[in-house]
N, C-alpha and C. Protein backbone atom coordinates (compact mmCIF):
# COMPACT_ATOMS: atom_id res chain seq x y z
N GLN A 1 1.07 -1.25 0.16
CA GLN A 1 0.23 -0.11 0.12
C GLN A 1 0.87 1.17 0.34
N GLN A 2 0.63 2.44 -1.12
CA GLN A 2 1.19 3.23 -1.23
C GLN A 2 1.61 4.08 0.36
N PRO A 3 1.84 4.63 0.79
CA PRO A 3 1.75 5.36 1.88
C PRO A 3 0.68 7.48 1.50
N THR A 4 -0.57 7.31 2.61
CA THR A 4 -1.69 8.17 1.94
C THR A 4 -1.49 10.11 2.06
N ASP A 5 -0.06 9.71 3.54
CA ASP A 5 -0.56 11.39 4.12
C ASP A 5 1.12 11.18 4.07
N ALA A 6 2.11 11.85 3.00
CA ALA A 6 3.63 12.64 3.34
C ALA A 6 3.91 13.59 2.38
N ARG A 7 3.13 14.65 3.81
CA ARG A 7 3.29 15.31 3.76
C ARG A 7 4.68 16.23 3.56
N TYR A 8 5.61 15.74 4.99
CA TYR A 8 7.41 15.80 5.02
C TYR A 8 7.72 15.83 4.29
N SER A 9 7.91 14.62 3.42
CA SER A 9 8.39 13.79 3.08
C SER A 9 8.13 13.47 0.93
N TRP A 10 9.41 13.19 0.45
CA TRP A 10 8.99 12.58 -0.59
C TRP A 10 8.96 10.90 -0.88
N PRO A 11 7.66 10.57 -1.53
CA PRO A 11 7.38 9.25 -1.81
C PRO A 11 7.40 8.51 -3.25
N PRO A 12 8.98 8.39 -3.52
CA PRO A 12 8.96 7.79 -4.35
C PRO A 12 7.89 6.44 -4.89
N ALA A 13 7.65 6.18 -6.28
CA ALA A 13 7.43 5.29 -5.76
C ALA A 13 7.20 3.78 -5.99
N GLU A 14 8.22 3.69 -5.35
CA GLU A 14 8.79 2.44 -5.03
C GLU A 14 9.16 2.09 -3.31
N LEU A 15 8.34 2.97 -2.64
CA LEU A 15 7.70 3.28 -1.76
C LEU A 15 6.47 2.14 -0.92
N ARG A 16 6.64 1.54 -0.09
CA ARG A 16 5.25 0.92 1.07
C ARG A 16 5.03 1.00 1.98
N TYR A 17 3.96 1.09 2.18
CA TYR A 17 3.78 1.53 3.97
C TYR A 17 3.25 0.87 4.20
N LEU A 18 3.90 0.44 5.75
CA LEU A 18 3.60 -1.11 6.50
C LEU A 18 3.05 -1.09 7.95
N ARG A 19 2.00 -2.00 8.09
CA ARG A 19 1.52 -1.80 9.13
C ARG A 19 1.88 -2.98 10.28
N ILE A 20 2.74 -2.69 11.05
CA ILE A 20 3.10 -3.72 11.80
C ILE A 20 2.66 -4.13 13.30
N ALA A 21 2.85 -4.98 13.60
CA ALA A 21 1.83 -4.98 15.35
C ALA A 21 3.62 -5.18 16.01
N TYR A 22 3.78 -4.89 17.10
CA TYR A 22 4.91 -4.82 17.98
C TYR A 22 4.53 -4.25 19.29
N TRP A 23 5.56 -5.18 20.22
CA TRP A 23 5.55 -4.74 21.78
C TRP A 23 5.75 -3.81 22.07
N GLY A 24 5.33 -2.99 22.70
CA GLY A 24 6.11 -1.68 23.56
C GLY A 24 6.80 -2.49 24.85
N PHE A 25 7.37 -0.91 25.72
CA PHE A 25 7.90 -1.20 26.59
C PHE A 25 7.19 -1.87 27.33
N ASP A 26 6.22 -1.24 27.57
CA ASP A 26 5.01 -1.73 28.21
C ASP A 26 4.40 -2.53 28.84
N ARG A 27 5.53 -3.52 27.56
CA ARG A 27 4.69 -4.82 27.64
C ARG A 27 3.26 -5.61 26.82
N ARG A 28 2.91 -4.17 26.16
CA ARG A 28 1.50 -4.48 25.36
C ARG A 28 1.65 -4.99 24.11
N ALA A 29 0.84 -5.20 23.38
CA ALA A 29 1.09 -5.26 21.47
C ALA A 29 0.51 -3.80 21.59
N HIS A 30 1.11 -3.14 20.35
CA HIS A 30 1.22 -2.46 19.72
C HIS A 30 0.79 -2.25 18.00
N LYS A 31 0.01 -1.56 17.17
CA LYS A 31 0.53 -1.46 16.21
C LYS A 31 0.84 -0.10 15.67
N GLY A 32 1.84 -0.22 14.79
CA GLY A 32 2.53 0.85 14.07
C GLY A 32 2.84 0.90 12.70
N ALA A 33 3.51 1.67 12.21
CA ALA A 33 4.12 1.79 10.33
C ALA A 33 5.36 1.98 10.34
N VAL A 34 5.66 1.59 9.18
CA VAL A 34 6.91 2.05 8.62
C VAL A 34 6.72 2.26 7.34
N VAL A 35 7.88 3.03 6.12
CA VAL A 35 7.50 3.31 5.39
C VAL A 35 9.12 2.36 4.73
N VAL A 36 8.89 1.52 3.85
CA VAL A 36 10.30 1.10 3.60
C VAL A 36 10.44 0.68 2.11
N ASN A 37 11.02 0.58 0.83
CA ASN A 37 11.16 0.68 0.10
C ASN A 37 10.42 -1.06 -0.18
N ALA A 38 9.77 -1.15 -1.83
CA ALA A 38 9.34 -2.37 -2.04
C ALA A 38 10.04 -3.24 -2.40
N SER A 39 11.50 -3.45 -2.22
CA SER A 39 12.86 -4.36 -2.01
C SER A 39 12.22 -5.48 -0.78
N ALA A 40 12.19 -4.05 0.14
CA ALA A 40 12.99 -3.94 1.45
C ALA A 40 11.80 -5.22 2.35
N VAL A 41 10.41 -5.20 1.42
CA VAL A 41 9.13 -5.44 2.53
C VAL A 41 9.03 -6.89 2.77
N GLY A 42 9.45 -7.73 2.24
CA GLY A 42 9.79 -9.70 2.76
C GLY A 42 10.15 -9.34 3.99
N ASP A 43 11.95 -8.54 3.63
CA ASP A 43 12.70 -8.87 4.97
C ASP A 43 12.07 -8.15 5.96
N VAL A 44 11.45 -6.89 6.47
CA VAL A 44 11.24 -6.09 7.32
C VAL A 44 9.70 -6.85 7.55
N VAL A 45 9.46 -7.46 6.80
CA VAL A 45 8.29 -8.37 7.25
C VAL A 45 8.71 -9.70 8.45
N ARG A 46 9.25 -9.94 7.91
CA ARG A 46 9.86 -11.28 8.57
C ARG A 46 10.93 -11.16 9.47
N VAL A 47 11.55 -9.92 10.16
CA VAL A 47 11.99 -8.87 10.97
C VAL A 47 11.41 -8.73 11.88
N PHE A 48 9.92 -7.92 11.86
CA PHE A 48 9.33 -7.57 12.46
C PHE A 48 8.85 -8.48 12.74
N ARG A 49 8.24 -10.41 12.52
CA ARG A 49 7.48 -11.23 12.53
C ARG A 49 8.61 -11.54 13.87
N ARG A 50 9.87 -11.91 13.96
CA ARG A 50 10.73 -12.44 14.30
C ARG A 50 10.39 -11.46 15.64
N LEU A 51 10.80 -10.30 16.05
CA LEU A 51 10.58 -9.58 16.92
C LEU A 51 9.28 -9.88 17.97
N TYR A 52 8.18 -10.09 17.44
CA TYR A 52 6.74 -9.79 17.89
C TYR A 52 6.82 -10.93 18.60
N ASP A 53 7.42 -11.92 18.37
CA ASP A 53 7.01 -13.06 18.49
C ASP A 53 8.10 -13.64 19.87
N ALA A 54 9.19 -12.79 20.05
CA ALA A 54 9.83 -12.85 20.73
C ALA A 54 9.98 -11.71 22.13
N ARG A 55 9.05 -10.89 21.84
CA ARG A 55 8.62 -9.73 22.78
C ARG A 55 9.51 -8.52 22.60
N PHE A 56 9.96 -8.67 21.13
CA PHE A 56 11.36 -7.55 21.96
C PHE A 56 10.61 -6.41 21.77
N PRO A 57 11.16 -5.30 22.57
CA PRO A 57 10.06 -4.16 22.71
C PRO A 57 10.92 -2.92 22.29
N ILE A 58 9.97 -2.46 21.52
CA ILE A 58 9.69 -1.61 20.48
C ILE A 58 8.95 0.11 21.20
N ARG A 59 9.76 1.18 21.14
CA ARG A 59 8.57 2.45 21.51
C ARG A 59 7.98 2.84 20.88
N ARG A 60 8.33 3.26 19.94
CA ARG A 60 7.31 3.30 19.05
C ARG A 60 7.77 3.23 17.64
N LEU A 61 6.41 3.12 16.58
CA LEU A 61 7.06 2.40 15.21
C LEU A 61 6.30 3.89 14.40
N ARG A 62 6.41 4.89 13.81
CA ARG A 62 5.97 6.05 13.17
C ARG A 62 6.26 6.77 11.79
N PRO A 63 5.96 6.27 11.20
CA PRO A 63 6.82 6.95 10.06
C PRO A 63 7.29 8.56 9.82
N ILE A 64 8.13 8.92 9.27
CA ILE A 64 9.13 9.66 9.87
C ILE A 64 7.86 11.65 9.15
N ASP A 65 7.20 10.81 8.82
CA ASP A 65 6.30 12.16 8.44
C ASP A 65 5.47 12.42 10.15
N ALA A 66 5.57 11.73 11.12
CA ALA A 66 5.18 11.88 12.28
C ALA A 66 5.58 12.81 12.94
N TYR A 67 6.97 13.27 12.23
CA TYR A 67 8.01 14.35 12.90
C TYR A 67 7.78 15.22 11.95
N ARG A 68 6.74 15.91 11.24
CA ARG A 68 7.19 16.90 10.27
C ARG A 68 8.86 16.40 9.36
N GLY A 69 9.25 15.09 9.17
CA GLY A 69 10.00 14.80 8.56
C GLY A 69 11.75 15.03 8.80
N VAL A 70 11.77 15.54 10.17
CA VAL A 70 12.61 16.19 10.78
C VAL A 70 13.21 14.70 11.67
N ASP A 71 14.28 14.50 11.27
CA ASP A 71 15.05 13.00 12.07
C ASP A 71 15.51 13.59 13.18
N GLU A 72 16.02 14.75 13.51
CA GLU A 72 16.39 14.68 14.82
C GLU A 72 14.85 14.58 16.03
N ARG A 73 14.02 15.06 15.74
CA ARG A 73 12.49 15.05 16.21
C ARG A 73 12.11 13.51 16.75
N SER A 74 12.28 12.70 15.49
CA SER A 74 11.66 11.27 15.27
C SER A 74 13.18 10.38 16.35
N LEU A 75 14.37 10.57 16.51
CA LEU A 75 15.13 10.26 17.15
C LEU A 75 14.96 10.20 18.45
N ALA A 76 14.74 11.96 19.04
CA ALA A 76 14.39 12.06 20.81
C ALA A 76 13.07 11.56 20.82
N ALA A 77 12.34 11.61 20.32
CA ALA A 77 10.96 9.83 20.32
C ALA A 77 11.68 8.98 20.37
N ASP A 78 12.48 8.47 20.46
CA ASP A 78 12.87 7.19 20.49
C ASP A 78 12.06 6.05 19.53
N ASN A 79 11.93 6.63 18.32
CA ASN A 79 11.41 6.16 16.84
C ASN A 79 11.42 5.38 16.28
N THR A 80 11.28 3.88 16.02
CA THR A 80 11.62 3.07 14.74
C THR A 80 11.38 3.89 13.74
N ALA A 81 12.43 3.98 12.86
CA ALA A 81 11.28 4.78 11.82
C ALA A 81 12.89 3.91 10.00
N ALA A 82 11.97 3.85 8.79
CA ALA A 82 12.99 3.58 7.50
C ALA A 82 12.85 4.96 7.09
N PHE A 83 12.34 5.25 5.71
CA PHE A 83 12.31 6.10 4.95
C PHE A 83 12.61 7.42 5.73
N ASN A 84 13.60 7.95 4.97
CA ASN A 84 13.41 9.85 5.84
C ASN A 84 14.06 10.10 4.49
N CYS A 85 13.56 11.14 3.68
CA CYS A 85 14.98 11.63 2.25
C CYS A 85 15.24 12.36 2.94
N ARG A 86 16.54 12.01 3.28
CA ARG A 86 17.48 12.59 3.90
C ARG A 86 19.28 12.62 3.51
N TYR A 87 20.46 13.45 3.79
CA TYR A 87 21.52 12.84 2.96
C TYR A 87 22.02 12.11 4.72
N VAL A 88 23.68 11.78 4.22
CA VAL A 88 24.07 10.84 5.64
C VAL A 88 24.39 11.73 6.30
N VAL A 89 24.32 11.28 7.80
CA VAL A 89 24.79 12.39 9.15
C VAL A 89 26.06 11.74 8.85
N GLY A 90 26.89 12.69 8.96
CA GLY A 90 28.31 12.12 9.06
C GLY A 90 29.38 12.91 8.86
N PRO A 91 30.83 11.99 8.52
CA PRO A 91 31.93 12.40 7.43
C PRO A 91 31.67 12.36 6.43
N GLY A 92 32.57 12.88 5.51
CA GLY A 92 32.57 12.62 3.86
C GLY A 92 31.54 13.64 3.00
N PRO A 93 31.72 12.88 1.62
CA PRO A 93 30.88 13.84 0.63
C PRO A 93 29.26 13.93 0.99
N ARG A 94 28.62 14.60 0.46
CA ARG A 94 27.80 14.70 0.99
C ARG A 94 26.57 13.62 -0.27
N ARG A 95 25.84 12.88 0.39
CA ARG A 95 25.37 12.06 -0.49
C ARG A 95 24.39 11.34 0.08
N TRP A 96 23.15 10.71 -0.21
CA TRP A 96 22.23 10.14 0.06
C TRP A 96 21.87 9.37 0.64
N SER A 97 21.47 8.87 1.42
CA SER A 97 21.45 8.09 3.01
C SER A 97 20.49 7.16 2.60
N ALA A 98 21.11 5.68 3.18
CA ALA A 98 19.94 4.39 2.90
C ALA A 98 18.31 4.54 3.19
N HIS A 99 18.57 5.78 3.88
CA HIS A 99 17.33 6.15 4.36
C HIS A 99 16.47 6.56 3.71
N ALA A 100 16.68 7.65 2.67
CA ALA A 100 16.49 8.19 1.53
C ALA A 100 15.72 7.37 0.53
N TYR A 101 16.05 5.84 0.33
CA TYR A 101 15.63 4.75 -0.41
C TYR A 101 14.58 3.98 0.06
N GLY A 102 14.34 4.20 1.57
CA GLY A 102 13.20 3.06 2.22
C GLY A 102 14.24 1.61 2.30
N GLN A 103 15.72 1.80 2.49
CA GLN A 103 16.76 0.74 2.55
C GLN A 103 17.34 0.62 3.99
N ALA A 104 17.22 1.30 5.15
CA ALA A 104 17.12 1.60 6.24
C ALA A 104 16.70 1.70 7.31
N ILE A 105 16.75 1.08 8.58
CA ILE A 105 15.72 1.27 9.70
C ILE A 105 16.70 1.74 11.12
N ASP A 106 16.21 2.35 11.75
CA ASP A 106 16.41 2.81 12.92
C ASP A 106 15.65 2.27 13.74
N VAL A 107 16.41 1.54 14.62
CA VAL A 107 15.65 0.43 15.59
C VAL A 107 15.82 0.91 16.97
N ASN A 108 15.06 1.67 17.92
CA ASN A 108 14.61 2.15 19.48
C ASN A 108 16.53 3.03 19.46
N PRO A 109 16.08 4.37 19.04
CA PRO A 109 17.51 5.02 18.73
C PRO A 109 18.26 5.47 20.04
N VAL A 110 17.41 5.69 21.20
CA VAL A 110 17.73 6.21 22.93
C VAL A 110 18.22 5.16 22.97
N GLU A 111 18.00 4.08 23.12
CA GLU A 111 18.40 2.68 23.85
C GLU A 111 19.40 1.90 22.63
N ASN A 112 19.78 2.81 21.40
CA ASN A 112 20.81 2.70 20.13
C ASN A 112 21.85 3.70 19.24
N PRO A 113 22.41 4.67 20.38
CA PRO A 113 22.25 5.35 19.72
C PRO A 113 23.66 5.94 18.71
N TYR A 114 24.03 6.30 18.27
CA TYR A 114 24.76 6.93 17.17
C TYR A 114 25.74 7.69 17.50
N LEU A 115 26.97 7.40 17.27
CA LEU A 115 28.27 8.62 18.02
C LEU A 115 28.82 8.48 16.61
N GLU A 116 28.49 9.86 16.69
CA GLU A 116 29.58 10.57 15.36
C GLU A 116 30.56 11.89 15.39
N GLY A 117 31.66 11.81 15.54
CA GLY A 117 32.38 12.73 16.42
C GLY A 117 32.58 13.60 17.87
N GLY A 118 31.96 12.56 18.34
CA GLY A 118 31.73 12.97 19.82
C GLY A 118 30.60 12.95 19.99
N ARG A 119 29.34 13.55 19.14
CA ARG A 119 27.94 13.69 19.57
C ARG A 119 27.29 12.16 19.39
N VAL A 120 26.69 12.29 20.49
CA VAL A 120 25.83 11.51 20.77
C VAL A 120 24.60 11.55 19.98
N HIS A 121 23.20 10.85 18.57
CA HIS A 121 21.87 10.99 17.97
C HIS A 121 21.33 10.37 18.55
N PRO A 122 20.62 10.49 19.56
CA PRO A 122 19.67 11.46 20.14
C PRO A 122 20.68 11.98 21.50
N ARG A 123 20.55 12.92 21.61
CA ARG A 123 21.14 13.04 22.89
C ARG A 123 20.59 12.27 24.26
N ALA A 124 20.02 12.14 24.72
CA ALA A 124 18.70 11.03 25.60
C ALA A 124 19.95 9.90 25.50
N GLY A 125 20.58 9.26 24.27
CA GLY A 125 21.19 7.89 24.32
C GLY A 125 22.37 7.96 24.53
N ARG A 126 23.21 8.60 25.77
CA ARG A 126 24.01 8.96 26.01
C ARG A 126 24.52 7.60 27.10
N TRP A 127 23.35 7.88 27.92
CA TRP A 127 23.21 6.65 29.23
C TRP A 127 23.32 4.99 28.24
N TYR A 128 23.39 5.30 26.99
CA TYR A 128 23.59 3.76 26.29
C TYR A 128 24.47 3.71 25.75
N LEU A 129 25.60 4.70 25.86
CA LEU A 129 26.62 4.38 24.99
C LEU A 129 27.83 3.11 25.93
N ARG A 130 27.45 3.15 26.70
CA ARG A 130 27.71 1.90 27.74
C ARG A 130 26.94 0.77 27.18
N ARG A 131 27.43 -0.01 26.39
CA ARG A 131 26.83 -1.24 26.03
C ARG A 131 26.39 -2.30 26.76
N SER A 132 26.92 -2.28 28.22
CA SER A 132 26.71 -4.01 28.85
C SER A 132 26.52 -3.42 30.73
N PRO A 133 25.89 -3.41 31.08
CA PRO A 133 24.84 -4.62 30.65
C PRO A 133 23.68 -4.56 29.71
N ALA A 134 23.49 -5.68 29.09
CA ALA A 134 22.49 -5.36 28.15
C ALA A 134 20.57 -4.90 28.74
N ARG A 135 20.21 -4.12 28.25
CA ARG A 135 19.10 -3.71 28.71
C ARG A 135 17.81 -3.56 27.24
N PRO A 136 16.77 -3.70 27.81
CA PRO A 136 15.73 -4.06 26.90
C PRO A 136 15.77 -3.22 25.82
N GLY A 137 15.55 -3.70 24.61
CA GLY A 137 15.91 -3.06 23.68
C GLY A 137 16.64 -2.41 22.83
N MET A 138 17.94 -3.18 23.48
CA MET A 138 19.20 -3.04 22.97
C MET A 138 19.57 -3.54 21.50
N ALA A 139 20.55 -3.35 20.92
CA ALA A 139 20.79 -3.81 19.59
C ALA A 139 22.20 -4.45 20.29
N LYS A 140 22.71 -6.22 20.22
CA LYS A 140 23.63 -6.11 21.00
C LYS A 140 24.10 -7.36 20.15
N ARG A 141 25.60 -7.22 19.55
CA ARG A 141 26.18 -8.64 19.62
C ARG A 141 25.72 -9.79 19.17
N GLY A 142 24.88 -10.29 18.25
CA GLY A 142 24.86 -11.93 19.30
C GLY A 142 23.30 -12.09 19.54
N GLY A 143 22.35 -10.21 19.90
CA GLY A 143 21.15 -10.09 20.36
C GLY A 143 19.58 -10.35 19.51
N LEU A 144 19.06 -10.97 19.62
CA LEU A 144 17.92 -10.82 19.06
C LEU A 144 17.78 -10.21 18.04
N LEU A 145 18.27 -9.01 18.23
CA LEU A 145 17.96 -7.67 17.24
C LEU A 145 19.19 -8.17 15.98
N VAL A 146 19.88 -8.18 16.89
CA VAL A 146 21.02 -8.11 15.19
C VAL A 146 21.04 -9.31 14.85
N ARG A 147 20.74 -10.61 15.52
CA ARG A 147 20.66 -11.86 14.78
C ARG A 147 19.14 -11.79 13.05
N ALA A 148 18.04 -11.12 13.94
CA ALA A 148 16.94 -10.67 13.32
C ALA A 148 17.20 -10.55 11.63
N PHE A 149 18.23 -9.20 11.76
CA PHE A 149 18.20 -8.69 10.58
C PHE A 149 19.40 -9.05 9.88
N SER A 150 20.47 -9.68 10.51
CA SER A 150 21.61 -10.45 10.09
C SER A 150 20.52 -11.73 9.29
N ALA A 151 19.39 -12.31 9.29
CA ALA A 151 18.83 -13.11 8.81
C ALA A 151 18.54 -13.48 7.65
N VAL A 152 17.75 -12.16 7.07
CA VAL A 152 17.54 -11.69 6.30
C VAL A 152 18.87 -11.10 4.87
N GLY A 153 20.27 -10.88 5.72
CA GLY A 153 20.96 -10.42 4.99
C GLY A 153 21.14 -9.28 5.12
N TRP A 154 20.39 -8.41 6.65
CA TRP A 154 20.57 -6.61 6.64
C TRP A 154 22.39 -6.56 7.20
N LYS A 155 22.78 -6.10 7.11
CA LYS A 155 24.37 -5.58 7.83
C LYS A 155 24.31 -4.58 8.73
N TRP A 156 23.99 -4.24 10.06
CA TRP A 156 24.42 -3.24 11.83
C TRP A 156 25.39 -2.31 11.39
N GLY A 157 24.68 -1.07 11.30
CA GLY A 157 25.58 -0.26 11.79
C GLY A 157 26.72 -0.50 13.71
N GLY A 158 26.46 -1.13 13.90
CA GLY A 158 26.67 -0.90 15.54
C GLY A 158 28.14 -1.77 15.49
N ARG A 159 28.42 -2.12 13.83
CA ARG A 159 30.08 -3.10 13.61
C ARG A 159 31.18 -1.78 13.48
N TRP A 160 30.77 -0.45 12.63
CA TRP A 160 31.19 0.61 12.45
C TRP A 160 32.10 0.73 13.14
N THR A 161 33.77 1.16 12.96
CA THR A 161 34.99 1.55 13.32
C THR A 161 34.35 2.86 13.71
N GLY A 162 35.01 3.48 15.12
CA GLY A 162 35.11 5.10 14.65
C GLY A 162 33.43 5.42 15.21
N SER A 163 32.53 5.22 14.57
CA SER A 163 31.08 5.88 14.75
C SER A 163 30.08 5.20 14.34
N PRO A 164 29.88 4.41 15.58
CA PRO A 164 28.95 3.29 15.54
C PRO A 164 27.64 3.66 16.02
N ASP A 165 27.18 3.04 14.81
CA ASP A 165 25.11 3.84 14.64
C ASP A 165 24.44 2.47 15.36
N TYR A 166 24.73 2.30 16.69
CA TYR A 166 23.66 1.20 17.27
C TYR A 166 22.26 0.90 16.48
N GLN A 167 21.46 1.57 16.29
CA GLN A 167 20.03 1.76 16.03
C GLN A 167 20.12 1.52 14.42
N HIS A 168 21.24 1.78 13.41
CA HIS A 168 21.08 1.18 12.18
C HIS A 168 20.71 0.41 11.65
N PHE A 169 20.42 -0.32 10.83
CA PHE A 169 20.27 -1.39 9.53
C PHE A 169 19.77 -0.98 8.68
N SER A 170 20.53 -1.79 7.77
CA SER A 170 20.40 -1.61 6.22
C SER A 170 20.81 -2.64 5.26
N ALA A 171 19.46 -2.34 4.03
CA ALA A 171 19.65 -4.07 3.17
C ALA A 171 21.01 -3.17 2.21
């Protein structure tokens, strides 16, 4: 299904709007939505089915338009999101992010912050830079979240040296 409300972002025809069931940190089942590339639909459905079956907690699951297309707002809300028509955050030449193609997802950004040039995204994720002990919603090497994405061939930004992006998974 195509997104019906994309006032704050540009929806290419290759994007699909998925309604997904997930477990919240309140230990209740919720319904959310994510916008992904059509080529990623099967992978994303498999990953989120596995997370749901294991009751892996997710804080929020809303398309970036819920935050007027502003990545920092979505991150600060601890929102799990995929498509966002934006450039790569970080060093190097200006280029489109995998999120701009709907081929990347940031999961629980507060529990899984991105460390870039000494800055923590989102700021509330500073407490989670210490990755041990494992806490609910965290992406950990060998943990359920990382294994679920790895099983469909997606890469984890938590393995990046120098600027780990623990929330980031991409096709």
